[in-house]
Every structure is written in C-alpha cells, then in structure tokens.
Amino acid sequence: MDNLSNLGTPLELTVEGESPHVLGTGHGTLAFSLDSEIKELLKSPAASDWLKESLSLALKRDCVDAANDAEVLSDLLNRRCEEITKAALSRM
C-alpha cells in the first residue's frame, strides 16, 4: 500500500486581509494545533515584525523549499552568532 494515499488534504490558514495560505497536509488535532500556533504567532505582539513577515511569505511558498531555506538561514545565523559571541568573549 502506498503511504502517499494517506496524506490527507491541504490545510489553509487565513490571515485577516490576506488570501488563504496552504499549510500542507495533516490529520486531526495535530494539524489543527499547528494551524492555531501559526495564527497565534502571526497575531502576537511579542513576535517581531520580521518573523511575522517571513512566516507569512514562507506560507505562500512550496512547503519543502521554505523549510529547506529556513534551515539554511537558521544555520548561518546561529554560526554567525557563535562567532560574534566568541570574538566578544575573547576581548574580555
């Protein structure tokens, strides 16, 4: 039996004033929970405008491409942060 036949249907996330974003496929509570988490983050005053805008743009893209690009970005930013921190500590 093919696992692809059980993927489910795409979920849509609608942000006020925007067209729906397709989140991908999912099942039941897990998918609903992710949808709710994304909506809350996009509405949160604690989240930066950069994060909200980046997430909104990523939701409009192919989910695999967006996730891969986010992973590359995360890796580069983490390594940059480590280098800056090490350099600052070495000057102390």
PDB file of N, CA and C in Angstrom:
ATOM      1  N   MET A   1       0.830  -1.188   0.000  1.00  0.00           N
ATOM      2  CA  MET A   1       0.000   0.000   0.000  1.00  0.00           C
ATOM      3  C   MET A   1       0.872   1.248   0.000  1.00  0.00           C
ATOM      4  N   ASP A   2       0.503   2.202  -0.748  1.00  0.00           N
ATOM      5  CA  ASP A   2       1.245   3.438  -0.937  1.00  0.00           C
ATOM      6  C   ASP A   2       0.981   4.418   0.216  1.00  0.00           C
ATOM      7  N   ASN A   3       2.024   4.898   0.903  1.00  0.00           N
ATOM      8  CA  ASN A   3       1.870   5.846   2.007  1.00  0.00           C
ATOM      9  C   ASN A   3       1.343   7.192   1.542  1.00  0.00           C
ATOM     10  N   LEU A   4       1.569   7.543   0.290  1.00  0.00           N
ATOM     11  CA  LEU A   4       1.133   8.837  -0.214  1.00  0.00           C
ATOM     12  C   LEU A   4      -0.386   8.957  -0.260  1.00  0.00           C
ATOM     13  N   SER A   5      -1.090   7.850  -0.314  1.00  0.00           N
ATOM     14  CA  SER A   5      -2.548   7.912  -0.375  1.00  0.00           C
ATOM     15  C   SER A   5      -3.163   8.338   0.947  1.00  0.00           C
ATOM     16  N   ASN A   6      -2.386   8.352   2.025  1.00  0.00           N
ATOM     17  CA  ASN A   6      -2.895   8.707   3.347  1.00  0.00           C
ATOM     18  C   ASN A   6      -2.463  10.095   3.806  1.00  0.00           C
ATOM     19  N   LEU A   7      -2.045  10.924   2.895  1.00  0.00           N
ATOM     20  CA  LEU A   7      -1.517  12.228   3.293  1.00  0.00           C
ATOM     21  C   LEU A   7      -2.581  13.213   3.760  1.00  0.00           C
ATOM     22  N   GLY A   8      -3.802  13.046   3.388  1.00  0.00           N
ATOM     23  CA  GLY A   8      -4.828  13.990   3.811  1.00  0.00           C
ATOM     24  C   GLY A   8      -4.947  15.132   2.819  1.00  0.00           C
ATOM     25  N   THR A   9      -5.667  16.140   3.207  1.00  0.00           N
ATOM     26  CA  THR A   9      -5.899  17.276   2.320  1.00  0.00           C
ATOM     27  C   THR A   9      -5.144  18.486   2.819  1.00  0.00           C
ATOM     28  N   PRO A  10      -4.830  19.429   1.943  1.00  0.00           N
ATOM     29  CA  PRO A  10      -4.120  20.628   2.371  1.00  0.00           C
ATOM     30  C   PRO A  10      -4.950  21.443   3.359  1.00  0.00           C
ATOM     31  N   LEU A  11      -4.258  22.034   4.326  1.00  0.00           N
ATOM     32  CA  LEU A  11      -4.894  22.931   5.284  1.00  0.00           C
ATOM     33  C   LEU A  11      -4.687  24.356   4.807  1.00  0.00           C
ATOM     34  N   GLU A  12      -5.643  25.201   5.067  1.00  0.00           N
ATOM     35  CA  GLU A  12      -5.488  26.605   4.709  1.00  0.00           C
ATOM     36  C   GLU A  12      -5.491  27.451   5.959  1.00  0.00           C
ATOM     37  N   LEU A  13      -4.589  28.404   6.024  1.00  0.00           N
ATOM     38  CA  LEU A  13      -4.525  29.360   7.111  1.00  0.00           C
ATOM     39  C   LEU A  13      -4.914  30.701   6.537  1.00  0.00           C
ATOM     40  N   THR A  14      -5.944  31.316   7.085  1.00  0.00           N
ATOM     41  CA  THR A  14      -6.370  32.608   6.593  1.00  0.00           C
ATOM     42  C   THR A  14      -5.971  33.673   7.603  1.00  0.00           C
ATOM     43  N   VAL A  15      -5.190  34.628   7.164  1.00  0.00           N
ATOM     44  CA  VAL A  15      -4.785  35.760   7.973  1.00  0.00           C
ATOM     45  C   VAL A  15      -5.630  36.934   7.522  1.00  0.00           C
ATOM     46  N   GLU A  16      -6.170  37.667   8.482  1.00  0.00           N
ATOM     47  CA  GLU A  16      -7.068  38.766   8.147  1.00  0.00           C
ATOM     48  C   GLU A  16      -6.448  39.683   7.094  1.00  0.00           C
ATOM     49  N   GLY A  17      -7.212  39.961   6.050  1.00  0.00           N
ATOM     50  CA  GLY A  17      -6.762  40.859   4.991  1.00  0.00           C
ATOM     51  C   GLY A  17      -5.912  40.192   3.927  1.00  0.00           C
ATOM     52  N   GLU A  18      -5.670  38.896   4.055  1.00  0.00           N
ATOM     53  CA  GLU A  18      -4.847  38.186   3.076  1.00  0.00           C
ATOM     54  C   GLU A  18      -5.605  36.995   2.539  1.00  0.00           C
ATOM     55  N   SER A  19      -5.168  36.507   1.395  1.00  0.00           N
ATOM     56  CA  SER A  19      -5.770  35.283   0.872  1.00  0.00           C
ATOM     57  C   SER A  19      -5.243  34.105   1.686  1.00  0.00           C
ATOM     58  N   PRO A  20      -5.949  32.960   1.674  1.00  0.00           N
ATOM     59  CA  PRO A  20      -5.532  31.805   2.476  1.00  0.00           C
ATOM     60  C   PRO A  20      -4.145  31.296   2.090  1.00  0.00           C
ATOM     61  N   HIS A  21      -3.414  30.833   3.091  1.00  0.00           N
ATOM     62  CA  HIS A  21      -2.110  30.197   2.893  1.00  0.00           C
ATOM     63  C   HIS A  21      -2.314  28.701   3.016  1.00  0.00           C
ATOM     64  N   VAL A  22      -1.776  27.941   2.092  1.00  0.00           N
ATOM     65  CA  VAL A  22      -1.861  26.482   2.194  1.00  0.00           C
ATOM     66  C   VAL A  22      -0.736  26.023   3.105  1.00  0.00           C
ATOM     67  N   LEU A  23      -1.107  25.297   4.169  1.00  0.00           N
ATOM     68  CA  LEU A  23      -0.134  24.842   5.148  1.00  0.00           C
ATOM     69  C   LEU A  23       0.460  23.489   4.813  1.00  0.00           C
ATOM     70  N   GLY A  24      -0.180  22.749   3.966  1.00  0.00           N
ATOM     71  CA  GLY A  24       0.288  21.407   3.661  1.00  0.00           C
ATOM     72  C   GLY A  24      -0.779  20.426   4.068  1.00  0.00           C
ATOM     73  N   THR A  25      -0.393  19.208   4.317  1.00  0.00           N
ATOM     74  CA  THR A  25      -1.384  18.207   4.686  1.00  0.00           C
ATOM     75  C   THR A  25      -1.213  17.831   6.137  1.00  0.00           C
ATOM     76  N   GLY A  26      -2.259  17.321   6.705  1.00  0.00           N
ATOM     77  CA  GLY A  26      -2.174  16.905   8.094  1.00  0.00           C
ATOM     78  C   GLY A  26      -3.424  16.177   8.507  1.00  0.00           C
ATOM     79  N   HIS A  27      -3.404  15.692   9.696  1.00  0.00           N
ATOM     80  CA  HIS A  27      -4.521  14.917  10.203  1.00  0.00           C
ATOM     81  C   HIS A  27      -4.959  15.462  11.553  1.00  0.00           C
ATOM     82  N   GLY A  28      -6.238  15.632  11.737  1.00  0.00           N
ATOM     83  CA  GLY A  28      -6.881  15.882  13.017  1.00  0.00           C
ATOM     84  C   GLY A  28      -6.249  16.942  13.880  1.00  0.00           C
ATOM     85  N   THR A  29      -6.073  16.593  15.158  1.00  0.00           N
ATOM     86  CA  THR A  29      -5.658  17.528  16.195  1.00  0.00           C
ATOM     87  C   THR A  29      -4.285  18.126  15.929  1.00  0.00           C
ATOM     88  N   LEU A  30      -3.352  17.339  15.452  1.00  0.00           N
ATOM     89  CA  LEU A  30      -2.004  17.845  15.193  1.00  0.00           C
ATOM     90  C   LEU A  30      -2.040  18.979  14.181  1.00  0.00           C
ATOM     91  N   ALA A  31      -2.762  18.783  13.096  1.00  0.00           N
ATOM     92  CA  ALA A  31      -2.860  19.813  12.073  1.00  0.00           C
ATOM     93  C   ALA A  31      -3.559  21.046  12.619  1.00  0.00           C
ATOM     94  N   PHE A  32      -4.636  20.856  13.384  1.00  0.00           N
ATOM     95  CA  PHE A  32      -5.355  21.981  13.972  1.00  0.00           C
ATOM     96  C   PHE A  32      -4.457  22.727  14.944  1.00  0.00           C
ATOM     97  N   SER A  33      -3.687  21.994  15.728  1.00  0.00           N
ATOM     98  CA  SER A  33      -2.785  22.599  16.699  1.00  0.00           C
ATOM     99  C   SER A  33      -1.733  23.466  16.002  1.00  0.00           C
ATOM    100  N   LEU A  34      -1.172  22.971  14.918  1.00  0.00           N
ATOM    101  CA  LEU A  34      -0.179  23.725  14.160  1.00  0.00           C
ATOM    102  C   LEU A  34      -0.805  24.973  13.560  1.00  0.00           C
ATOM    103  N   ASP A  35      -2.000  24.824  12.998  1.00  0.00           N
ATOM    104  CA  ASP A  35      -2.729  25.954  12.429  1.00  0.00           C
ATOM    105  C   ASP A  35      -2.949  27.027  13.497  1.00  0.00           C
ATOM    106  N   SER A  36      -3.369  26.605  14.678  1.00  0.00           N
ATOM    107  CA  SER A  36      -3.612  27.543  15.782  1.00  0.00           C
ATOM    108  C   SER A  36      -2.315  28.226  16.228  1.00  0.00           C
ATOM    109  N   GLU A  37      -1.246  27.458  16.297  1.00  0.00           N
ATOM    110  CA  GLU A  37       0.047  28.011  16.713  1.00  0.00           C
ATOM    111  C   GLU A  37       0.536  29.066  15.728  1.00  0.00           C
ATOM    112  N   ILE A  38       0.392  28.789  14.441  1.00  0.00           N
ATOM    113  CA  ILE A  38       0.803  29.752  13.418  1.00  0.00           C
ATOM    114  C   ILE A  38      -0.041  31.017  13.510  1.00  0.00           C
ATOM    115  N   LYS A  39      -1.350  30.868  13.642  1.00  0.00           N
ATOM    116  CA  LYS A  39      -2.238  32.033  13.757  1.00  0.00           C
ATOM    117  C   LYS A  39      -1.877  32.878  14.972  1.00  0.00           C
ATOM    118  N   GLU A  40      -1.617  32.227  16.102  1.00  0.00           N
ATOM    119  CA  GLU A  40      -1.270  32.955  17.326  1.00  0.00           C
ATOM    120  C   GLU A  40       0.045  33.719  17.155  1.00  0.00           C
ATOM    121  N   LEU A  41       1.024  33.076  16.536  1.00  0.00           N
ATOM    122  CA  LEU A  41       2.302  33.756  16.322  1.00  0.00           C
ATOM    123  C   LEU A  41       2.126  34.983  15.431  1.00  0.00           C
ATOM    124  N   LEU A  42       1.333  34.849  14.372  1.00  0.00           N
ATOM    125  CA  LEU A  42       1.124  35.964  13.454  1.00  0.00           C
ATOM    126  C   LEU A  42       0.379  37.124  14.116  1.00  0.00           C
ATOM    127  N   LYS A  43      -0.386  36.856  15.159  1.00  0.00           N
ATOM    128  CA  LYS A  43      -1.122  37.903  15.874  1.00  0.00           C
ATOM    129  C   LYS A  43      -0.372  38.425  17.090  1.00  0.00           C
ATOM    130  N   SER A  44       0.652  37.741  17.513  1.00  0.00           N
ATOM    131  CA  SER A  44       1.333  38.049  18.768  1.00  0.00           C
ATOM    132  C   SER A  44       2.111  39.362  18.729  1.00  0.00           C
ATOM    133  N   PRO A  45       1.867  40.238  19.707  1.00  0.00           N
ATOM    134  CA  PRO A  45       2.660  41.462  19.790  1.00  0.00           C
ATOM    135  C   PRO A  45       4.107  41.180  20.220  1.00  0.00           C
ATOM    136  N   ALA A  46       4.346  40.006  20.780  1.00  0.00           N
ATOM    137  CA  ALA A  46       5.696  39.643  21.216  1.00  0.00           C
ATOM    138  C   ALA A  46       6.575  39.193  20.057  1.00  0.00           C
ATOM    139  N   ALA A  47       5.977  38.745  18.975  1.00  0.00           N
ATOM    140  CA  ALA A  47       6.746  38.296  17.811  1.00  0.00           C
ATOM    141  C   ALA A  47       7.188  39.511  16.999  1.00  0.00           C
ATOM    142  N   SER A  48       8.393  39.463  16.492  1.00  0.00           N
ATOM    143  CA  SER A  48       8.914  40.579  15.706  1.00  0.00           C
ATOM    144  C   SER A  48       8.185  40.693  14.367  1.00  0.00           C
ATOM    145  N   ASP A  49       8.162  41.900  13.841  1.00  0.00           N
ATOM    146  CA  ASP A  49       7.568  42.106  12.520  1.00  0.00           C
ATOM    147  C   ASP A  49       8.308  41.285  11.469  1.00  0.00           C
ATOM    148  N   TRP A  50       9.630  41.165  11.612  1.00  0.00           N
ATOM    149  CA  TRP A  50      10.422  40.381  10.673  1.00  0.00           C
ATOM    150  C   TRP A  50       9.971  38.926  10.673  1.00  0.00           C
ATOM    151  N   LEU A  51       9.776  38.351  11.870  1.00  0.00           N
ATOM    152  CA  LEU A  51       9.352  36.960  11.952  1.00  0.00           C
ATOM    153  C   LEU A  51       7.971  36.772  11.347  1.00  0.00           C
ATOM    154  N   LYS A  52       7.053  37.661  11.661  1.00  0.00           N
ATOM    155  CA  LYS A  52       5.692  37.559  11.117  1.00  0.00           C
ATOM    156  C   LYS A  52       5.692  37.671   9.597  1.00  0.00           C
ATOM    157  N   GLU A  53       6.448  38.628   9.079  1.00  0.00           N
ATOM    158  CA  GLU A  53       6.501  38.804   7.621  1.00  0.00           C
ATOM    159  C   GLU A  53       7.165  37.598   6.949  1.00  0.00           C
ATOM    160  N   SER A  54       8.245  37.114   7.548  1.00  0.00           N
ATOM    161  CA  SER A  54       8.944  35.951   6.986  1.00  0.00           C
ATOM    162  C   SER A  54       8.053  34.720   6.983  1.00  0.00           C
ATOM    163  N   LEU A  55       7.325  34.506   8.074  1.00  0.00           N
ATOM    164  CA  LEU A  55       6.420  33.363   8.145  1.00  0.00           C
ATOM    165  C   LEU A  55       5.297  33.499   7.124  1.00  0.00           C
ATOM    166  N   SER A  56       4.722  34.681   7.019  1.00  0.00           N
ATOM    167  CA  SER A  56       3.642  34.899   6.043  1.00  0.00           C
ATOM    168  C   SER A  56       4.127  34.626   4.624  1.00  0.00           C
ATOM    169  N   LEU A  57       5.318  35.103   4.297  1.00  0.00           N
ATOM    170  CA  LEU A  57       5.879  34.854   2.963  1.00  0.00           C
ATOM    171  C   LEU A  57       6.185  33.378   2.761  1.00  0.00           C
ATOM    172  N   ALA A  58       6.714  32.719   3.785  1.00  0.00           N
ATOM    173  CA  ALA A  58       7.050  31.299   3.676  1.00  0.00           C
ATOM    174  C   ALA A  58       5.807  30.442   3.469  1.00  0.00           C
ATOM    175  N   LEU A  59       4.688  30.828   4.072  1.00  0.00           N
ATOM    176  CA  LEU A  59       3.454  30.054   3.937  1.00  0.00           C
ATOM    177  C   LEU A  59       2.897  30.095   2.523  1.00  0.00           C
ATOM    178  N   LYS A  60       3.326  31.067   1.745  1.00  0.00           N
ATOM    179  CA  LYS A  60       2.868  31.186   0.359  1.00  0.00           C
ATOM    180  C   LYS A  60       3.724  30.356  -0.589  1.00  0.00           C
ATOM    181  N   ARG A  61       4.839  29.845  -0.099  1.00  0.00           N
ATOM    182  CA  ARG A  61       5.787  29.099  -0.919  1.00  0.00           C
ATOM    183  C   ARG A  61       5.547  27.601  -0.819  1.00  0.00           C
ATOM    184  N   ASP A  62       6.229  26.857  -1.661  1.00  0.00           N
ATOM    185  CA  ASP A  62       6.255  25.411  -1.528  1.00  0.00           C
ATOM    186  C   ASP A  62       6.809  25.090  -0.141  1.00  0.00           C
ATOM    187  N   CYS A  63       6.114  24.235   0.605  1.00  0.00           N
ATOM    188  CA  CYS A  63       6.498  23.988   1.996  1.00  0.00           C
ATOM    189  C   CYS A  63       7.897  23.370   2.133  1.00  0.00           C
ATOM    190  N   VAL A  64       8.290  22.511   1.211  1.00  0.00           N
ATOM    191  CA  VAL A  64       9.610  21.882   1.281  1.00  0.00           C
ATOM    192  C   VAL A  64      10.703  22.919   1.010  1.00  0.00           C
ATOM    193  N   ASP A  65      10.525  23.737  -0.014  1.00  0.00           N
ATOM    194  CA  ASP A  65      11.506  24.778  -0.324  1.00  0.00           C
ATOM    195  C   ASP A  65      11.630  25.763   0.834  1.00  0.00           C
ATOM    196  N   ALA A  66      10.494  26.170   1.394  1.00  0.00           N
ATOM    197  CA  ALA A  66      10.517  27.125   2.505  1.00  0.00           C
ATOM    198  C   ALA A  66      11.225  26.536   3.726  1.00  0.00           C
ATOM    199  N   ALA A  67      10.935  25.282   4.051  1.00  0.00           N
ATOM    200  CA  ALA A  67      11.565  24.638   5.208  1.00  0.00           C
ATOM    201  C   ALA A  67      13.073  24.487   4.991  1.00  0.00           C
ATOM    202  N   ASN A  68      13.474  24.102   3.769  1.00  0.00           N
ATOM    203  CA  ASN A  68      14.908  23.974   3.478  1.00  0.00           C
ATOM    204  C   ASN A  68      15.616  25.314   3.574  1.00  0.00           C
ATOM    205  N   ASP A  69      15.022  26.360   3.027  1.00  0.00           N
ATOM    206  CA  ASP A  69      15.630  27.691   3.095  1.00  0.00           C
ATOM    207  C   ASP A  69      15.710  28.184   4.536  1.00  0.00           C
ATOM    208  N   ALA A  70      14.672  27.909   5.325  1.00  0.00           N
ATOM    209  CA  ALA A  70      14.675  28.315   6.735  1.00  0.00           C
ATOM    210  C   ALA A  70      15.784  27.606   7.506  1.00  0.00           C
ATOM    211  N   GLU A  71      16.014  26.336   7.160  1.00  0.00           N
ATOM    212  CA  GLU A  71      17.080  25.589   7.817  1.00  0.00           C
ATOM    213  C   GLU A  71      18.453  26.170   7.485  1.00  0.00           C
ATOM    214  N   VAL A  72      18.674  26.528   6.230  1.00  0.00           N
ATOM    215  CA  VAL A  72      19.944  27.147   5.821  1.00  0.00           C
ATOM    216  C   VAL A  72      20.121  28.485   6.533  1.00  0.00           C
ATOM    217  N   LEU A  73      19.074  29.296   6.556  1.00  0.00           N
ATOM    218  CA  LEU A  73      19.128  30.597   7.219  1.00  0.00           C
ATOM    219  C   LEU A  73      19.417  30.438   8.712  1.00  0.00           C
ATOM    220  N   SER A  74      18.734  29.500   9.359  1.00  0.00           N
ATOM    221  CA  SER A  74      18.947  29.250  10.778  1.00  0.00           C
ATOM    222  C   SER A  74      20.394  28.856  11.060  1.00  0.00           C
ATOM    223  N   ASP A  75      20.930  27.956  10.241  1.00  0.00           N
ATOM    224  CA  ASP A  75      22.310  27.515  10.416  1.00  0.00           C
ATOM    225  C   ASP A  75      23.282  28.679  10.277  1.00  0.00           C
ATOM    226  N   LEU A  76      23.119  29.485   9.232  1.00  0.00           N
ATOM    227  CA  LEU A  76      24.018  30.621   9.019  1.00  0.00           C
ATOM    228  C   LEU A  76      23.938  31.637  10.165  1.00  0.00           C
ATOM    229  N   LEU A  77      22.726  31.960  10.594  1.00  0.00           N
ATOM    230  CA  LEU A  77      22.559  32.934  11.679  1.00  0.00           C
ATOM    231  C   LEU A  77      23.105  32.410  13.002  1.00  0.00           C
ATOM    232  N   ASN A  78      22.909  31.115  13.276  1.00  0.00           N
ATOM    233  CA  ASN A  78      23.448  30.534  14.512  1.00  0.00           C
ATOM    234  C   ASN A  78      24.972  30.539  14.518  1.00  0.00           C
ATOM    235  N   ARG A  79      25.573  30.170  13.380  1.00  0.00           N
ATOM    236  CA  ARG A  79      27.044  30.178  13.312  1.00  0.00           C
ATOM    237  C   ARG A  79      27.591  31.595  13.411  1.00  0.00           C
ATOM    238  N   ARG A  80      26.915  32.553  12.796  1.00  0.00           N
ATOM    239  CA  ARG A  80      27.335  33.961  12.884  1.00  0.00           C
ATOM    240  C   ARG A  80      27.266  34.448  14.322  1.00  0.00           C
ATOM    241  N   CYS A  81      26.187  34.103  14.999  1.00  0.00           N
ATOM    242  CA  CYS A  81      26.016  34.492  16.395  1.00  0.00           C
ATOM    243  C   CYS A  81      27.118  33.899  17.272  1.00  0.00           C
ATOM    244  N   GLU A  82      27.434  32.622  17.052  1.00  0.00           N
ATOM    245  CA  GLU A  82      28.503  31.973  17.807  1.00  0.00           C
ATOM    246  C   GLU A  82      29.840  32.674  17.598  1.00  0.00           C
ATOM    247  N   GLU A  83      30.140  33.023  16.340  1.00  0.00           N
ATOM    248  CA  GLU A  83      31.410  33.700  16.054  1.00  0.00           C
ATOM    249  C   GLU A  83      31.467  35.078  16.712  1.00  0.00           C
ATOM    250  N   ILE A  84      30.392  35.818  16.648  1.00  0.00           N
ATOM    251  CA  ILE A  84      30.352  37.143  17.265  1.00  0.00           C
ATOM    252  C   ILE A  84      30.510  37.024  18.779  1.00  0.00           C
ATOM    253  N   THR A  85      29.835  36.040  19.371  1.00  0.00           N
ATOM    254  CA  THR A  85      29.926  35.836  20.818  1.00  0.00           C
ATOM    255  C   THR A  85      31.338  35.435  21.222  1.00  0.00           C
ATOM    256  N   LYS A  86      31.950  34.503  20.482  1.00  0.00           N
ATOM    257  CA  LYS A  86      33.324  34.087  20.786  1.00  0.00           C
ATOM    258  C   LYS A  86      34.284  35.264  20.689  1.00  0.00           C
ATOM    259  N   ALA A  87      34.129  36.072  19.646  1.00  0.00           N
ATOM    260  CA  ALA A  87      35.004  37.230  19.468  1.00  0.00           C
ATOM    261  C   ALA A  87      34.839  38.225  20.620  1.00  0.00           C
ATOM    262  N   ALA A  88      33.626  38.448  21.049  1.00  0.00           N
ATOM    263  CA  ALA A  88      33.363  39.374  22.149  1.00  0.00           C
ATOM    264  C   ALA A  88      33.950  38.846  23.453  1.00  0.00           C
ATOM    265  N   LEU A  89      33.812  37.539  23.684  1.00  0.00           N
ATOM    266  CA  LEU A  89      34.351  36.946  24.910  1.00  0.00           C
ATOM    267  C   LEU A  89      35.879  36.945  24.923  1.00  0.00           C
ATOM    268  N   SER A  90      36.492  36.806  23.767  1.00  0.00           N
ATOM    269  CA  SER A  90      37.959  36.794  23.700  1.00  0.00           C
ATOM    270  C   SER A  90      38.553  38.174  23.990  1.00  0.00           C
ATOM    271  N   ARG A  91      37.767  39.210  23.853  1.00  0.00           N
ATOM    272  CA  ARG A  91      38.243  40.569  24.130  1.00  0.00           C
ATOM    273  C   ARG A  91      38.070  40.945  25.602  1.00  0.00           C
ATOM    274  N   MET A  92      37.447  40.087  26.369  1.00  0.00           N
ATOM    275  CA  MET A  92      37.202  40.396  27.786  1.00  0.00           C
ATOM    276  C   MET A  92      38.399  40.115  28.643  1.00  0.00           C
TER     277      MET A  92
END
